[in-house]
Amino acid sequence: MEALQRSVLSTNWITLIFVFSLTVLFFLKLFKTAKLKGYASAIFYKGFLEIEVEEGYSPVTFFHIGFSFFSFLMLSITTFFLINQYKQSNVFLFADYFLSSYYVFIFMIVRSLAAFLLLLLFEVKKQLSFFMIFKRGYLYSISVGLFFLNVFYFYSFQNQFFLFSGFVLFFLVRFLLILINNKNLIIKELFYFILYICAFELAPLFVLFRLIF
């Protein structure tokens, strides 16, 4: 009787991504404990972000690069899980994750560069700095939430509605908090705000959706 060859697809690489993500948070906590706690809870307490505005904000620091990388990992793995569910696939391939992370990386880089050029072009960096700090802070905060969402999804029950609704809820709360906490600025600089939302929030999401699906 001829032996049948059995192919086993390992999902250990997903566990490694979660462990690596925790390692990134560990080093951020090691160097900036108070700042990490502040950003992680920023979605519940805006006072920390107001302090960040007063002290000044520079995205090119070890802490912000590290937290941005953590956010990238969480957005990539969430996108990968959502695409897998959309395709109704129970197979978790690293090649598919790599493709998803590539799209997310391009999306984040292009949007960041475009937003930076917008601020320089219209010379509204000072006016919109408050808005940008809140936007980045809430992204950090929901990235921590996405970590737990993805862990529960992968290790407990792989339910599409659970993952999708949690993902949408996080970003909806982020969007509403940005509007609420920046309402005075938005009213004052309505033209630039609408331009920013259309050009660097909605348009990139549409392009990303078309590229993936």
Protein backbone atom coordinates (compact mmCIF):
# COMPACT_ATOMS: atom_id res chain seq x y z
CA MET A 1 0.00 0.00 0.00
CA GLU A 2 1.47 3.31 -1.09
CA ALA A 3 1.87 5.91 1.63
CA LEU A 4 -0.03 9.14 1.14
CA GLN A 5 1.95 12.37 1.46
CA ARG A 6 0.36 14.75 3.92
CA SER A 7 0.98 18.49 3.68
CA VAL A 8 0.79 20.41 6.92
CA LEU A 9 0.59 24.18 6.77
CA SER A 10 2.07 25.73 9.88
CA THR A 11 0.56 28.84 11.41
CA ASN A 12 3.44 29.38 13.82
CA TRP A 13 4.45 32.47 11.88
CA ILE A 14 1.27 34.22 13.10
CA THR A 15 2.24 33.47 16.70
CA LEU A 16 5.70 34.87 15.97
CA ILE A 17 4.15 38.10 14.71
CA PHE A 18 2.15 38.46 17.93
CA VAL A 19 5.26 37.74 20.02
CA PHE A 20 7.33 40.20 17.98
CA SER A 21 4.62 42.84 18.39
CA LEU A 22 4.69 42.35 22.16
CA THR A 23 8.48 42.65 22.05
CA VAL A 24 8.16 46.03 20.34
CA LEU A 25 5.78 47.19 23.09
CA PHE A 26 8.16 45.85 25.74
CA PHE A 27 11.03 47.98 24.44
CA LEU A 28 8.79 51.02 24.18
CA LYS A 29 7.72 50.46 27.78
CA LEU A 30 11.35 50.02 28.79
CA PHE A 31 12.33 53.43 27.44
CA LYS A 32 9.10 55.45 27.71
CA THR A 33 6.74 53.80 30.21
CA ALA A 34 4.57 56.84 30.90
CA LYS A 35 4.34 57.76 27.21
CA LEU A 36 3.35 54.22 26.23
CA LYS A 37 0.60 54.13 28.87
CA GLY A 38 -0.56 57.56 27.77
CA TYR A 39 -0.91 56.66 24.11
CA ALA A 40 -2.42 53.24 24.87
CA SER A 41 -5.19 54.90 26.89
CA ALA A 42 -5.47 58.06 24.77
CA ILE A 43 -8.80 56.96 23.36
CA PHE A 44 -10.24 57.19 26.89
CA TYR A 45 -8.27 60.18 28.16
CA LYS A 46 -7.50 63.07 25.82
CA GLY A 47 -5.53 65.01 28.44
CA PHE A 48 -2.35 63.15 27.55
CA LEU A 49 -2.58 64.20 23.90
CA GLU A 50 -3.17 67.82 24.91
CA ILE A 51 0.06 67.65 26.91
CA GLU A 52 1.82 66.21 23.85
CA VAL A 53 0.60 69.18 21.80
CA GLU A 54 2.00 71.64 24.33
CA GLU A 55 5.37 69.86 24.51
CA GLY A 56 5.70 69.62 20.75
CA TYR A 57 5.52 66.59 18.49
CA SER A 58 8.23 65.01 16.38
CA PRO A 59 7.36 61.78 14.53
CA VAL A 60 11.03 60.99 13.89
CA THR A 61 11.88 59.58 17.31
CA PHE A 62 12.60 56.06 18.50
CA PHE A 63 9.27 55.91 20.34
CA HIS A 64 7.09 57.10 17.45
CA ILE A 65 8.90 54.97 14.88
CA GLY A 66 8.51 51.94 17.15
CA PHE A 67 4.81 52.56 17.84
CA SER A 68 4.18 53.25 14.14
CA PHE A 69 5.81 49.90 13.34
CA PHE A 70 3.59 48.19 15.92
CA SER A 71 0.54 49.85 14.34
CA PHE A 72 1.72 48.66 10.93
CA LEU A 73 1.97 45.06 12.19
CA MET A 74 -1.54 45.18 13.65
CA LEU A 75 -3.09 46.76 10.57
CA SER A 76 -1.33 44.22 8.35
CA ILE A 77 -2.45 41.14 10.28
CA THR A 78 -6.01 42.49 10.56
CA THR A 79 -6.12 43.17 6.82
CA PHE A 80 -4.79 39.68 6.18
CA PHE A 81 -7.46 38.06 8.38
CA LEU A 82 -10.23 40.12 6.76
CA ILE A 83 -9.10 39.20 3.24
CA ASN A 84 -8.90 35.53 4.23
CA GLN A 85 -12.44 35.67 5.56
CA TYR A 86 -13.62 37.47 2.42
CA LYS A 87 -12.13 34.68 0.31
CA GLN A 88 -13.61 32.12 2.73
CA SER A 89 -10.24 30.50 3.16
CA ASN A 90 -9.20 28.57 6.25
CA VAL A 91 -5.56 28.44 5.14
CA PHE A 92 -3.19 31.03 6.57
CA LEU A 93 -0.31 31.50 4.13
CA PHE A 94 2.64 33.73 4.93
CA ALA A 95 2.85 34.72 1.26
CA ASP A 96 -0.68 36.17 1.49
CA TYR A 97 0.23 38.02 4.68
CA PHE A 98 3.35 39.43 3.02
CA LEU A 99 1.20 40.76 0.17
CA SER A 100 -1.27 42.30 2.61
CA SER A 101 1.52 43.93 4.62
CA TYR A 102 3.00 45.29 1.39
CA TYR A 103 -0.27 47.03 0.52
CA VAL A 104 -0.64 48.42 4.04
CA PHE A 105 2.97 49.63 4.08
CA ILE A 106 2.59 51.46 0.76
CA PHE A 107 -0.70 52.91 1.95
CA MET A 108 0.80 54.24 5.21
CA ILE A 109 3.95 55.64 3.56
CA VAL A 110 2.14 57.35 0.69
CA ARG A 111 -0.51 58.82 2.98
CA SER A 112 2.07 60.12 5.46
CA LEU A 113 4.21 61.70 2.75
CA ALA A 114 1.18 63.18 1.04
CA ALA A 115 -0.12 64.65 4.30
CA PHE A 116 3.31 66.13 5.05
CA LEU A 117 3.44 67.72 1.59
CA LEU A 118 -0.07 69.11 2.09
CA LEU A 119 0.98 70.81 5.33
CA LEU A 120 4.03 72.33 3.64
CA LEU A 121 2.22 73.31 0.46
CA PHE A 122 -0.59 75.20 2.20
CA GLU A 123 1.59 76.28 5.14
CA VAL A 124 -0.95 75.10 7.72
CA LYS A 125 1.37 72.94 9.80
CA LYS A 126 0.87 75.06 12.89
CA GLN A 127 -2.92 75.14 12.55
CA LEU A 128 -3.28 71.39 11.95
CA SER A 129 -0.59 70.11 14.32
CA PHE A 130 -3.19 69.61 17.07
CA PHE A 131 -5.33 67.57 14.67
CA MET A 132 -2.37 65.47 13.47
CA ILE A 133 -1.23 64.63 17.01
CA PHE A 134 -4.72 63.49 17.99
CA LYS A 135 -5.01 61.48 14.79
CA ARG A 136 -1.70 59.69 15.35
CA GLY A 137 -2.38 59.20 19.08
CA TYR A 138 -5.73 57.54 18.47
CA LEU A 139 -4.13 55.28 15.86
CA TYR A 140 -1.63 54.09 18.49
CA SER A 141 -4.45 53.53 20.95
CA ILE A 142 -6.64 51.44 18.64
CA SER A 143 -3.58 49.48 17.48
CA VAL A 144 -3.29 48.14 21.02
CA GLY A 145 -6.99 47.27 20.84
CA LEU A 146 -6.44 45.55 17.48
CA PHE A 147 -3.74 43.41 19.07
CA PHE A 148 -6.23 41.93 21.54
CA LEU A 149 -8.92 41.71 18.86
CA ASN A 150 -6.64 39.69 16.58
CA VAL A 151 -5.45 37.42 19.38
CA PHE A 152 -9.03 36.62 20.41
CA TYR A 153 -10.02 36.09 16.79
CA PHE A 154 -7.14 33.76 15.93
CA TYR A 155 -6.95 31.68 19.11
CA SER A 156 -10.59 31.63 20.24
CA PHE A 157 -13.10 31.72 17.43
CA GLN A 158 -12.50 32.74 13.87
CA ASN A 159 -15.73 34.59 13.28
CA GLN A 160 -15.85 37.06 10.42
CA PHE A 161 -18.50 39.30 11.99
CA PHE A 162 -16.51 39.55 15.24
CA LEU A 163 -13.36 40.68 13.48
CA PHE A 164 -14.98 43.01 10.97
CA SER A 165 -17.34 44.68 13.45
CA GLY A 166 -14.51 45.15 15.96
CA PHE A 167 -12.27 46.67 13.29
CA VAL A 168 -14.98 49.05 12.07
CA LEU A 169 -15.94 50.00 15.64
CA PHE A 170 -12.36 50.93 16.55
CA PHE A 171 -11.91 53.21 13.55
CA LEU A 172 -15.39 54.69 13.88
CA VAL A 173 -14.67 55.64 17.51
CA ARG A 174 -11.31 57.09 16.40
CA PHE A 175 -12.96 59.17 13.68
CA LEU A 176 -15.68 60.48 16.02
CA LEU A 177 -13.16 61.39 18.73
CA ILE A 178 -11.04 63.27 16.19
CA LEU A 179 -14.11 65.24 15.09
CA ILE A 180 -15.24 65.97 18.66
CA ASN A 181 -11.83 67.03 19.96
CA ASN A 182 -11.01 69.13 16.90
CA LYS A 183 -14.42 70.67 16.21
CA ASN A 184 -13.22 74.26 16.64
CA LEU A 185 -10.26 73.71 14.33
CA ILE A 186 -12.40 71.89 11.76
CA ILE A 187 -14.92 74.76 11.64
CA LYS A 188 -12.14 77.34 11.35
CA GLU A 189 -10.13 75.43 8.73
CA LEU A 190 -13.02 73.59 7.07
CA PHE A 191 -11.60 73.79 3.54
CA TYR A 192 -8.27 72.23 4.51
CA PHE A 193 -9.98 69.61 6.64
CA ILE A 194 -12.28 68.51 3.81
CA LEU A 195 -9.33 68.50 1.42
CA TYR A 196 -7.31 66.39 3.84
CA ILE A 197 -10.13 63.87 4.45
CA CYS A 198 -10.94 63.45 0.75
CA ALA A 199 -7.37 63.33 -0.54
CA PHE A 200 -5.56 61.44 2.21
CA GLU A 201 -8.20 59.41 4.03
CA LEU A 202 -10.99 58.37 1.66
CA ALA A 203 -9.08 58.26 -1.63
CA PRO A 204 -6.22 56.03 -0.35
CA LEU A 205 -8.73 53.64 1.25
CA PHE A 206 -10.57 53.34 -2.08
CA VAL A 207 -7.31 52.69 -3.94
CA LEU A 208 -6.23 50.12 -1.34
CA PHE A 209 -9.59 48.35 -1.63
CA ARG A 210 -9.32 48.23 -5.44
CA LEU A 211 -5.75 46.88 -5.29
CA ILE A 212 -6.65 44.09 -2.87
CA PHE A 213 -10.03 43.06 -4.27
